[in-house]
């Protein structure tokens, strides 16, 4: 369980970095004379990614707290 939580936390960190890079790219990259960050589809994709990362982070934190309390977190750590 501890190893799975560690991998989950590591993966959340990587995902947050990738989203930061994607957002920076969307602001810099221009198409049709404007940044692609202005396009609704790009905004939706970035928002979906942010929501998924937030959910993953919440799952990891919740499972880690439960593990610290001495509870069985086999299912939670697998999900995270």
N, C-alpha and C. Protein backbone atom coordinates (compact mmCIF):
# COMPACT_ATOMS: atom_id res chain seq x y z
N UNK A 1 0.82 -1.20 0.00
CA UNK A 1 0.00 0.00 0.00
C UNK A 1 0.87 1.26 0.00
N UNK A 2 1.92 1.24 0.80
CA UNK A 2 2.80 2.41 0.88
C UNK A 2 3.44 2.69 -0.48
N UNK A 3 3.87 1.65 -1.14
CA UNK A 3 4.49 1.82 -2.46
C UNK A 3 3.51 2.36 -3.48
N UNK A 4 2.29 1.87 -3.45
CA UNK A 4 1.28 2.37 -4.39
C UNK A 4 0.96 3.84 -4.13
N UNK A 5 0.90 4.22 -2.85
CA UNK A 5 0.66 5.63 -2.53
C UNK A 5 1.83 6.50 -3.00
N UNK A 6 3.03 5.98 -2.84
CA UNK A 6 4.20 6.72 -3.29
C UNK A 6 4.16 6.94 -4.80
N UNK A 7 3.85 5.90 -5.54
CA UNK A 7 3.76 6.02 -7.00
C UNK A 7 2.64 6.97 -7.39
N UNK A 8 1.51 6.91 -6.68
CA UNK A 8 0.40 7.81 -6.96
C UNK A 8 0.79 9.27 -6.73
N UNK A 9 1.47 9.53 -5.61
CA UNK A 9 1.90 10.90 -5.30
C UNK A 9 2.91 11.39 -6.33
N UNK A 10 3.83 10.54 -6.71
CA UNK A 10 4.82 10.89 -7.72
C UNK A 10 4.13 11.22 -9.04
N UNK A 11 3.17 10.41 -9.41
CA UNK A 11 2.46 10.60 -10.67
C UNK A 11 1.65 11.90 -10.68
N UNK A 12 1.06 12.24 -9.54
CA UNK A 12 0.33 13.51 -9.44
C UNK A 12 1.29 14.67 -9.67
N UNK A 13 2.47 14.60 -9.08
CA UNK A 13 3.46 15.66 -9.28
C UNK A 13 3.87 15.81 -10.74
N UNK A 14 4.08 14.68 -11.40
CA UNK A 14 4.43 14.70 -12.82
C UNK A 14 3.29 15.29 -13.64
N UNK A 15 2.06 14.90 -13.33
CA UNK A 15 0.90 15.40 -14.06
C UNK A 15 0.73 16.91 -13.87
N UNK A 16 0.97 17.39 -12.66
CA UNK A 16 0.88 18.84 -12.42
C UNK A 16 1.92 19.59 -13.25
N UNK A 17 3.11 19.05 -13.34
CA UNK A 17 4.15 19.68 -14.15
C UNK A 17 3.77 19.68 -15.63
N UNK A 18 3.23 18.56 -16.10
CA UNK A 18 2.84 18.47 -17.50
C UNK A 18 1.72 19.46 -17.82
N UNK A 19 0.78 19.64 -16.89
CA UNK A 19 -0.30 20.60 -17.11
C UNK A 19 0.25 22.02 -17.15
N UNK A 20 1.19 22.33 -16.27
CA UNK A 20 1.82 23.65 -16.30
C UNK A 20 2.50 23.90 -17.65
N UNK A 21 3.21 22.89 -18.14
CA UNK A 21 3.88 23.02 -19.44
C UNK A 21 2.86 23.18 -20.57
N UNK A 22 1.77 22.43 -20.51
CA UNK A 22 0.73 22.53 -21.54
C UNK A 22 0.07 23.90 -21.54
N UNK A 23 -0.18 24.43 -20.36
CA UNK A 23 -0.79 25.76 -20.26
C UNK A 23 0.16 26.83 -20.80
N UNK A 24 1.42 26.72 -20.45
CA UNK A 24 2.41 27.67 -20.96
C UNK A 24 2.49 27.61 -22.49
N UNK A 25 2.46 26.39 -23.04
CA UNK A 25 2.51 26.23 -24.48
C UNK A 25 1.26 26.81 -25.13
N UNK A 26 0.10 26.58 -24.53
CA UNK A 26 -1.16 27.07 -25.11
C UNK A 26 -1.19 28.59 -25.16
N UNK A 27 -0.55 29.24 -24.22
CA UNK A 27 -0.50 30.70 -24.21
C UNK A 27 0.49 31.21 -25.26
N UNK A 28 1.59 30.49 -25.45
CA UNK A 28 2.63 30.92 -26.40
C UNK A 28 2.28 30.60 -27.84
N UNK A 29 1.68 29.45 -28.09
CA UNK A 29 1.41 28.98 -29.45
C UNK A 29 0.26 29.77 -30.06
N UNK A 30 0.50 30.28 -31.25
CA UNK A 30 -0.53 31.09 -31.92
C UNK A 30 -1.03 30.35 -33.16
N UNK A 31 -2.34 30.47 -33.37
CA UNK A 31 -2.99 29.92 -34.55
C UNK A 31 -4.07 30.90 -34.96
N UNK A 32 -4.14 31.21 -36.22
CA UNK A 32 -5.11 32.19 -36.74
C UNK A 32 -4.94 33.54 -36.04
N UNK A 33 -3.70 33.87 -35.68
CA UNK A 33 -3.39 35.17 -35.11
C UNK A 33 -3.69 35.34 -33.63
N UNK A 34 -4.01 34.25 -32.94
CA UNK A 34 -4.28 34.36 -31.51
C UNK A 34 -3.75 33.12 -30.78
N UNK A 35 -3.49 33.24 -29.49
CA UNK A 35 -3.01 32.07 -28.74
C UNK A 35 -4.07 30.96 -28.75
N UNK A 36 -3.59 29.72 -28.85
CA UNK A 36 -4.56 28.62 -28.87
C UNK A 36 -5.28 28.49 -27.53
N UNK A 37 -4.76 29.13 -26.48
CA UNK A 37 -5.45 29.13 -25.18
C UNK A 37 -6.79 29.86 -25.25
N UNK A 38 -7.00 30.64 -26.28
CA UNK A 38 -8.28 31.35 -26.45
C UNK A 38 -9.37 30.45 -27.03
N UNK A 39 -9.00 29.30 -27.56
CA UNK A 39 -9.98 28.41 -28.19
C UNK A 39 -10.69 27.57 -27.13
N UNK A 40 -11.99 27.46 -27.28
CA UNK A 40 -12.82 26.79 -26.28
C UNK A 40 -12.43 25.32 -26.09
N UNK A 41 -12.09 24.63 -27.17
CA UNK A 41 -11.72 23.22 -27.06
C UNK A 41 -10.44 23.06 -26.24
N UNK A 42 -9.47 23.92 -26.46
CA UNK A 42 -8.21 23.86 -25.70
C UNK A 42 -8.50 24.15 -24.23
N UNK A 43 -9.33 25.14 -23.97
CA UNK A 43 -9.69 25.46 -22.59
C UNK A 43 -10.38 24.28 -21.91
N UNK A 44 -11.25 23.60 -22.64
CA UNK A 44 -11.96 22.44 -22.08
C UNK A 44 -10.99 21.30 -21.79
N UNK A 45 -10.05 21.07 -22.69
CA UNK A 45 -9.08 20.00 -22.47
C UNK A 45 -8.21 20.30 -21.25
N UNK A 46 -7.77 21.54 -21.10
CA UNK A 46 -6.96 21.92 -19.95
C UNK A 46 -7.78 21.82 -18.66
N UNK A 47 -9.04 22.23 -18.70
CA UNK A 47 -9.90 22.14 -17.53
C UNK A 47 -10.15 20.69 -17.12
N UNK A 48 -10.37 19.82 -18.10
CA UNK A 48 -10.56 18.40 -17.80
C UNK A 48 -9.31 17.81 -17.15
N UNK A 49 -8.16 18.17 -17.67
CA UNK A 49 -6.91 17.69 -17.09
C UNK A 49 -6.74 18.16 -15.66
N UNK A 50 -7.06 19.42 -15.42
CA UNK A 50 -6.96 19.98 -14.07
C UNK A 50 -7.89 19.23 -13.11
N UNK A 51 -9.11 18.94 -13.55
CA UNK A 51 -10.07 18.22 -12.70
C UNK A 51 -9.59 16.80 -12.40
N UNK A 52 -9.04 16.12 -13.39
CA UNK A 52 -8.55 14.76 -13.18
C UNK A 52 -7.35 14.75 -12.23
N UNK A 53 -6.46 15.72 -12.38
CA UNK A 53 -5.30 15.81 -11.49
C UNK A 53 -5.75 16.11 -10.06
N UNK A 54 -6.72 17.00 -9.91
CA UNK A 54 -7.25 17.33 -8.59
C UNK A 54 -7.86 16.09 -7.93
N UNK A 55 -8.62 15.33 -8.69
CA UNK A 55 -9.24 14.12 -8.16
C UNK A 55 -8.17 13.11 -7.73
N UNK A 56 -7.15 12.94 -8.54
CA UNK A 56 -6.07 12.01 -8.20
C UNK A 56 -5.34 12.46 -6.94
N UNK A 57 -5.09 13.75 -6.84
CA UNK A 57 -4.40 14.28 -5.66
C UNK A 57 -5.24 14.06 -4.40
N UNK A 58 -6.54 14.30 -4.50
CA UNK A 58 -7.43 14.08 -3.36
C UNK A 58 -7.45 12.61 -2.95
N UNK A 59 -7.46 11.71 -3.92
CA UNK A 59 -7.45 10.28 -3.61
C UNK A 59 -6.18 9.88 -2.89
N UNK A 60 -5.04 10.37 -3.37
CA UNK A 60 -3.76 10.04 -2.74
C UNK A 60 -3.71 10.58 -1.31
N UNK A 61 -4.11 11.83 -1.13
CA UNK A 61 -4.08 12.43 0.21
C UNK A 61 -5.02 11.72 1.17
N UNK A 62 -6.21 11.38 0.70
CA UNK A 62 -7.17 10.68 1.56
C UNK A 62 -6.63 9.31 1.96
N UNK A 63 -6.10 8.57 1.02
CA UNK A 63 -5.57 7.25 1.32
C UNK A 63 -4.36 7.35 2.26
N UNK A 64 -3.53 8.35 2.07
CA UNK A 64 -2.36 8.51 2.93
C UNK A 64 -2.79 8.85 4.36
N UNK A 65 -3.79 9.71 4.50
CA UNK A 65 -4.29 10.05 5.84
C UNK A 65 -4.86 8.82 6.54
N UNK A 66 -5.62 8.04 5.79
CA UNK A 66 -6.19 6.82 6.37
C UNK A 66 -5.10 5.84 6.77
N UNK A 67 -4.06 5.73 5.95
CA UNK A 67 -2.95 4.83 6.28
C UNK A 67 -2.24 5.32 7.54
N UNK A 68 -2.06 6.62 7.66
CA UNK A 68 -1.42 7.18 8.85
C UNK A 68 -2.25 6.90 10.11
N UNK A 69 -3.56 6.76 9.94
CA UNK A 69 -4.44 6.45 11.07
C UNK A 69 -4.46 4.96 11.40
N UNK A 70 -3.75 4.18 10.60
CA UNK A 70 -3.67 2.75 10.84
C UNK A 70 -4.78 1.94 10.22
N UNK A 71 -5.54 2.54 9.33
CA UNK A 71 -6.64 1.85 8.68
C UNK A 71 -6.15 1.04 7.48
N UNK A 72 -6.92 0.07 7.08
CA UNK A 72 -6.60 -0.73 5.89
C UNK A 72 -6.95 0.11 4.65
N UNK A 73 -5.97 0.35 3.82
CA UNK A 73 -6.17 1.20 2.64
C UNK A 73 -5.83 0.49 1.33
N UNK A 74 -5.97 -0.82 1.33
CA UNK A 74 -5.62 -1.58 0.12
C UNK A 74 -6.42 -1.12 -1.09
N UNK A 75 -7.71 -0.97 -0.93
CA UNK A 75 -8.56 -0.54 -2.05
C UNK A 75 -8.25 0.90 -2.44
N UNK A 76 -8.14 1.78 -1.44
CA UNK A 76 -7.89 3.19 -1.72
C UNK A 76 -6.54 3.41 -2.39
N UNK A 77 -5.51 2.69 -1.92
CA UNK A 77 -4.20 2.88 -2.54
C UNK A 77 -4.17 2.33 -3.96
N UNK A 78 -4.93 1.27 -4.20
CA UNK A 78 -5.03 0.75 -5.57
C UNK A 78 -5.71 1.74 -6.49
N UNK A 79 -6.76 2.39 -5.99
CA UNK A 79 -7.48 3.38 -6.79
C UNK A 79 -6.59 4.60 -7.07
N UNK A 80 -5.86 5.01 -6.07
CA UNK A 80 -5.01 6.20 -6.23
C UNK A 80 -3.86 5.91 -7.16
